[in-house]
Structure formats: C-alpha cells, structure tokens
C-alpha atoms as a PDB file:
ATOM      1  CA  MET A   1     143.760 -65.500 171.117  1.00  0.00           C
ATOM      2  CA  GLN A   2     143.898 -69.382 169.610  1.00  0.00           C
ATOM      3  CA  ARG A   3     142.293 -67.883 166.388  1.00  0.00           C
ATOM      4  CA  PHE A   4     145.055 -65.315 166.076  1.00  0.00           C
ATOM      5  CA  THR A   5     147.678 -67.769 166.787  1.00  0.00           C
ATOM      6  CA  LEU A   6     146.081 -70.088 164.210  1.00  0.00           C
ATOM      7  CA  VAL A   7     146.126 -67.276 161.552  1.00  0.00           C
ATOM      8  CA  LEU A   8     149.638 -66.314 162.143  1.00  0.00           C
ATOM      9  CA  LEU A   9     150.989 -69.964 161.934  1.00  0.00           C
ATOM     10  CA  THR A  10     149.118 -70.288 158.860  1.00  0.00           C
ATOM     11  CA  LEU A  11     150.479 -67.171 157.504  1.00  0.00           C
ATOM     12  CA  LEU A  12     154.153 -68.194 158.187  1.00  0.00           C
ATOM     13  CA  ALA A  13     153.498 -71.632 156.652  1.00  0.00           C
ATOM     14  CA  LEU A  14     152.292 -70.122 153.511  1.00  0.00           C
ATOM     15  CA  THR A  15     155.334 -67.871 153.432  1.00  0.00           C
ATOM     16  CA  ALA A  16     157.802 -70.755 153.814  1.00  0.00           C
ATOM     17  CA  CYS A  17     156.200 -72.634 151.283  1.00  0.00           C
ATOM     18  CA  GLN A  18     156.755 -69.848 148.753  1.00  0.00           C
ATOM     19  CA  ARG A  19     160.703 -69.814 149.140  1.00  0.00           C
ATOM     20  CA  SER A  20     162.910 -72.052 147.360  1.00  0.00           C
ATOM     21  CA  ASP A  21     166.496 -72.658 147.571  1.00  0.00           C
ATOM     22  CA  PRO A  22     167.998 -71.354 144.317  1.00  0.00           C
ATOM     23  CA  ASN A  23     170.718 -73.671 144.573  1.00  0.00           C
ATOM     24  CA  SER A  24     168.502 -76.688 144.855  1.00  0.00           C
ATOM     25  CA  PRO A  25     168.356 -79.400 142.235  1.00  0.00           C
ATOM     26  CA  THR A  26     164.990 -78.332 141.058  1.00  0.00           C
ATOM     27  CA  SER A  27     165.733 -74.596 140.914  1.00  0.00           C
ATOM     28  CA  LEU A  28     169.025 -75.319 139.051  1.00  0.00           C
ATOM     29  CA  ARG A  29     167.287 -77.500 136.402  1.00  0.00           C
ATOM     30  CA  LYS A  30     164.279 -75.475 135.931  1.00  0.00           C
ATOM     31  CA  ALA A  31     166.875 -72.406 135.298  1.00  0.00           C
ATOM     32  CA  THR A  32     168.782 -74.392 132.883  1.00  0.00           C
ATOM     33  CA  PHE A  33     165.457 -75.471 130.975  1.00  0.00           C
ATOM     34  CA  LYS A  34     164.253 -71.760 131.031  1.00  0.00           C
ATOM     35  CA  GLU A  35     167.561 -70.841 129.188  1.00  0.00           C
ATOM     36  CA  MET A  36     166.983 -73.663 126.855  1.00  0.00           C
ATOM     37  CA  LEU A  37     163.430 -72.384 126.045  1.00  0.00           C
ATOM     38  CA  LYS A  38     164.659 -69.160 125.207  1.00  0.00           C
ATOM     39  CA  SER A  39     167.006 -70.206 122.672  1.00  0.00           C
ATOM     40  CA  ARG A  40     164.480 -72.752 121.118  1.00  0.00           C
ATOM     41  CA  GLU A  41     162.067 -69.497 121.138  1.00  0.00           C
ATOM     42  CA  ALA A  42     164.526 -67.421 119.468  1.00  0.00           C
ATOM     43  CA  ILE A  43     165.265 -69.826 116.655  1.00  0.00           C
ATOM     44  CA  ASN A  44     161.590 -70.644 116.297  1.00  0.00           C
ATOM     45  CA  ALA A  45     160.662 -66.833 116.124  1.00  0.00           C
ATOM     46  CA  MET A  46     163.433 -66.558 113.046  1.00  0.00           C
ATOM     47  CA  LEU A  47     162.097 -69.762 111.369  1.00  0.00           C
ATOM     48  CA  THR A  48     158.468 -68.851 111.518  1.00  0.00           C
ATOM     49  CA  GLY A  49     159.120 -65.416 110.253  1.00  0.00           C
ATOM     50  CA  ALA A  50     157.881 -63.622 113.496  1.00  0.00           C
ATOM     51  CA  LYS A  51     161.410 -62.080 113.321  1.00  0.00           C
ATOM     52  CA  PRO A  52     163.876 -61.661 110.511  1.00  0.00           C
ATOM     53  CA  TYR A  53     166.086 -64.412 109.814  1.00  0.00           C
ATOM     54  CA  LYS A  54     169.653 -64.031 110.636  1.00  0.00           C
ATOM     55  CA  ALA A  55     171.877 -66.988 110.095  1.00  0.00           C
ATOM     56  CA  ASP A  56     174.440 -65.713 112.504  1.00  0.00           C
ATOM     57  CA  SER A  57     171.711 -65.382 115.258  1.00  0.00           C
ATOM     58  CA  VAL A  58     170.311 -68.702 114.635  1.00  0.00           C
ATOM     59  CA  LEU A  59     173.686 -70.243 115.143  1.00  0.00           C
ATOM     60  CA  GLN A  60     174.301 -68.343 118.410  1.00  0.00           C
ATOM     61  CA  GLU A  61     171.286 -69.597 119.667  1.00  0.00           C
ATOM     62  CA  ALA A  62     172.090 -73.218 118.479  1.00  0.00           C
ATOM     63  CA  ILE A  63     175.190 -73.085 120.437  1.00  0.00           C
ATOM     64  CA  LYS A  64     173.691 -72.161 123.477  1.00  0.00           C
ATOM     65  CA  LEU A  65     171.257 -74.473 123.310  1.00  0.00           C
ATOM     66  CA  GLN A  66     173.856 -77.457 122.512  1.00  0.00           C
ATOM     67  CA  GLU A  67     175.744 -76.195 125.616  1.00  0.00           C
ATOM     68  CA  LYS A  68     172.724 -75.938 127.914  1.00  0.00           C
ATOM     69  CA  SER A  69     171.478 -79.387 126.578  1.00  0.00           C
ATOM     70  CA  THR A  70     174.334 -81.299 128.653  1.00  0.00           C
ATOM     71  CA  LYS A  71     173.510 -79.534 131.852  1.00  0.00           C
ATOM     72  CA  PRO A  72     170.056 -80.331 133.309  1.00  0.00           C
ATOM     73  CA  TRP A  73     169.950 -84.013 133.573  1.00  0.00           C
ATOM     74  CA  ALA A  74     172.532 -84.106 136.614  1.00  0.00           C
ATOM     75  CA  TYR A  75     169.577 -82.265 138.538  1.00  0.00           C
ATOM     76  CA  PHE A  76     167.450 -85.289 138.448  1.00  0.00           C
ATOM     77  CA  ALA A  77     168.195 -87.124 141.352  1.00  0.00           C
ATOM     78  CA  GLU A  78     165.064 -89.362 140.929  1.00  0.00           C
ATOM     79  CA  PHE A  79     167.016 -90.923 138.010  1.00  0.00           C
ATOM     80  CA  ALA A  80     170.449 -91.262 139.410  1.00  0.00           C
ATOM     81  CA  VAL A  81     171.825 -94.820 138.593  1.00  0.00           C
ATOM     82  CA  ASN A  82     172.843 -95.144 142.303  1.00  0.00           C
ATOM     83  CA  ASN A  83     169.225 -94.168 143.598  1.00  0.00           C
ATOM     84  CA  GLN A  84     167.407 -97.262 141.912  1.00  0.00           C
ATOM     85  CA  SER A  85     166.038 -99.871 144.151  1.00  0.00           C
ATOM     86  CA  ASP A  86     163.695-101.852 141.840  1.00  0.00           C
ATOM     87  CA  ALA A  87     163.565-103.101 138.259  1.00  0.00           C
ATOM     88  CA  LYS A  88     161.178-100.625 137.208  1.00  0.00           C
ATOM     89  CA  GLN A  89     163.063 -97.411 138.694  1.00  0.00           C
ATOM     90  CA  LYS A  90     166.092 -98.975 136.663  1.00  0.00           C
ATOM     91  CA  SER A  91     164.079 -99.357 133.443  1.00  0.00           C
ATOM     92  CA  ASP A  92     162.673 -95.608 133.946  1.00  0.00           C
ATOM     93  CA  SER A  93     166.147 -94.358 134.683  1.00  0.00           C
ATOM     94  CA  ALA A  94     167.611 -96.141 131.461  1.00  0.00           C
ATOM     95  CA  ASP A  95     164.786 -94.607 129.341  1.00  0.00           C
ATOM     96  CA  PHE A  96     165.116 -91.053 130.933  1.00  0.00           C
ATOM     97  CA  HIS A  97     169.095 -91.108 130.212  1.00  0.00           C
ATOM     98  CA  ALA A  98     168.389 -92.428 126.608  1.00  0.00           C
ATOM     99  CA  ALA A  99     165.798 -89.208 126.202  1.00  0.00           C
ATOM    100  CA  ALA A 100     168.555 -86.821 127.668  1.00  0.00           C
ATOM    101  CA  ASP A 101     171.130 -88.336 125.292  1.00  0.00           C
ATOM    102  CA  ASN A 102     168.602 -87.823 122.307  1.00  0.00           C
ATOM    103  CA  MET A 103     168.198 -84.491 123.406  1.00  0.00           C
ATOM    104  CA  GLN A 104     171.672 -83.710 123.504  1.00  0.00           C
ATOM    105  CA  GLN A 105     172.167 -85.273 120.091  1.00  0.00           C
ATOM    106  CA  GLN A 106     169.423 -83.358 118.401  1.00  0.00           C
ATOM    107  CA  SER A 107     170.850 -80.287 119.915  1.00  0.00           C
ATOM    108  CA  SER A 108     174.209 -81.089 118.311  1.00  0.00           C
ATOM    109  CA  ALA A 109     172.625 -81.876 115.075  1.00  0.00           C
ATOM    110  CA  LEU A 110     170.888 -78.335 115.246  1.00  0.00           C
ATOM    111  CA  LYS A 111     174.150 -76.665 115.974  1.00  0.00           C
ATOM    112  CA  ALA A 112     175.871 -78.480 112.882  1.00  0.00           C
ATOM    113  CA  ALA A 113     173.046 -77.416 110.800  1.00  0.00           C
ATOM    114  CA  ALA A 114     173.520 -73.978 111.943  1.00  0.00           C
ATOM    115  CA  GLN A 115     177.075 -73.816 111.241  1.00  0.00           C
ATOM    116  CA  ALA A 116     176.595 -75.230 107.702  1.00  0.00           C
ATOM    117  CA  GLY A 117     174.067 -72.373 107.203  1.00  0.00           C
ATOM    118  CA  GLN A 118     171.614 -74.608 105.478  1.00  0.00           C
ATOM    119  CA  GLU A 119     168.096 -73.611 106.309  1.00  0.00           C
ATOM    120  CA  ASP A 120     166.255 -76.808 105.400  1.00  0.00           C
ATOM    121  CA  ARG A 121     168.598 -78.551 107.683  1.00  0.00           C
ATOM    122  CA  ILE A 122     167.989 -76.345 110.535  1.00  0.00           C
ATOM    123  CA  ARG A 123     164.190 -76.502 110.061  1.00  0.00           C
ATOM    124  CA  ALA A 124     164.447 -80.361 110.178  1.00  0.00           C
ATOM    125  CA  SER A 125     166.907 -80.297 113.187  1.00  0.00           C
ATOM    126  CA  TYR A 126     164.809 -77.584 115.182  1.00  0.00           C
ATOM    127  CA  LYS A 127     161.777 -79.933 114.601  1.00  0.00           C
ATOM    128  CA  ALA A 128     163.781 -83.011 116.029  1.00  0.00           C
ATOM    129  CA  VAL A 129     164.765 -81.009 119.146  1.00  0.00           C
ATOM    130  CA  GLU A 130     161.221 -79.796 119.697  1.00  0.00           C
ATOM    131  CA  ASP A 131     160.160 -83.594 119.241  1.00  0.00           C
ATOM    132  CA  ALA A 132     162.650 -84.634 121.793  1.00  0.00           C
ATOM    133  CA  CYS A 133     161.355 -82.287 124.371  1.00  0.00           C
ATOM    134  CA  ILE A 134     157.604 -83.093 123.554  1.00  0.00           C
ATOM    135  CA  ARG A 135     158.677 -86.928 124.154  1.00  0.00           C
ATOM    136  CA  CYS A 136     160.574 -86.375 127.148  1.00  0.00           C
ATOM    137  CA  HIS A 137     157.783 -84.249 128.927  1.00  0.00           C
ATOM    138  CA  GLN A 138     155.047 -86.940 127.922  1.00  0.00           C
ATOM    139  CA  GLN A 139     157.058 -89.604 129.383  1.00  0.00           C
ATOM    140  CA  PHE A 140     158.765 -88.075 132.309  1.00  0.00           C
ATOM    141  CA  ARG A 141     157.157 -84.501 133.474  1.00  0.00           C
ATOM    142  CA  PRO A 142     154.511 -85.001 136.339  1.00  0.00           C
ATOM    143  CA  GLY A 143     151.021 -83.675 135.655  1.00  0.00           C
END
C-alpha cells in the first residue's frame, strides 16, 4: 500500500512539473523569441540560397522581427530595475537592458536595409542581428 501511494505521488508530481502557465513571463518570452527565430530563419534561408531570394519576403520577415524585438524584454523580471538589491544586480540589469536595446537597434537597421532593398546591407544587418543574439545568450542565458 505504501509503495503504491509513493508511486502515485511521484507520478502526480511529475505530471505537475510538465505543465506551465502559457501566460507566465517565461512562456510569453519563449513564445516571442520563437517567433523572432522563425523570422531570422526565413531571412537566413533566403540569404544562404536554401530558398529563393525574394526581397518582399525578406522585408516582411524583417518587419516582423523588428516588431517582435521590442516585446520579450518586459518578461525578464530578474532584470527589472525595481527588482535590484545590490550593485552587481544593478550592473547586470544595465548590461541586460543595453543588450536588449542593441537587439532592437540591429533589428531596426535590418528592417531599414530591407526597405532599401540593398542585399549587401541586408546581409551585414542580418549578421549584426545574429551577433547581438549570440552576445546576449553568452552573457545572460543560463546553462
């Protein structure tokens, strides 16, 4: 009987672990980043020749990326200015917000390049967006 109860409690605990609130900050930021990734992948596929290059498609994806680039940062409560209790946290928060601003600036530059229709500018701007993602992940993404 005790063994059955232990197994049942373990299964219930594991089931509860798998559920996440779709409206939680973590779920919302992950969903936004996934949408951003889809746009980046679509642009990359056209720039690398995996898909035919279509200037209007690049522009539409760049617009989506730029619009989404302003969204996920509000869902990082650990970097909220009012959530800082020491100098290190404040420094990390300032660095995080600078990285977020950089991502938004690079996304805006990519959108502008796509609007101009200059493929060489689009390539350079796309690389800057990718570099901004990599730097932020290296500095702030756990594990």
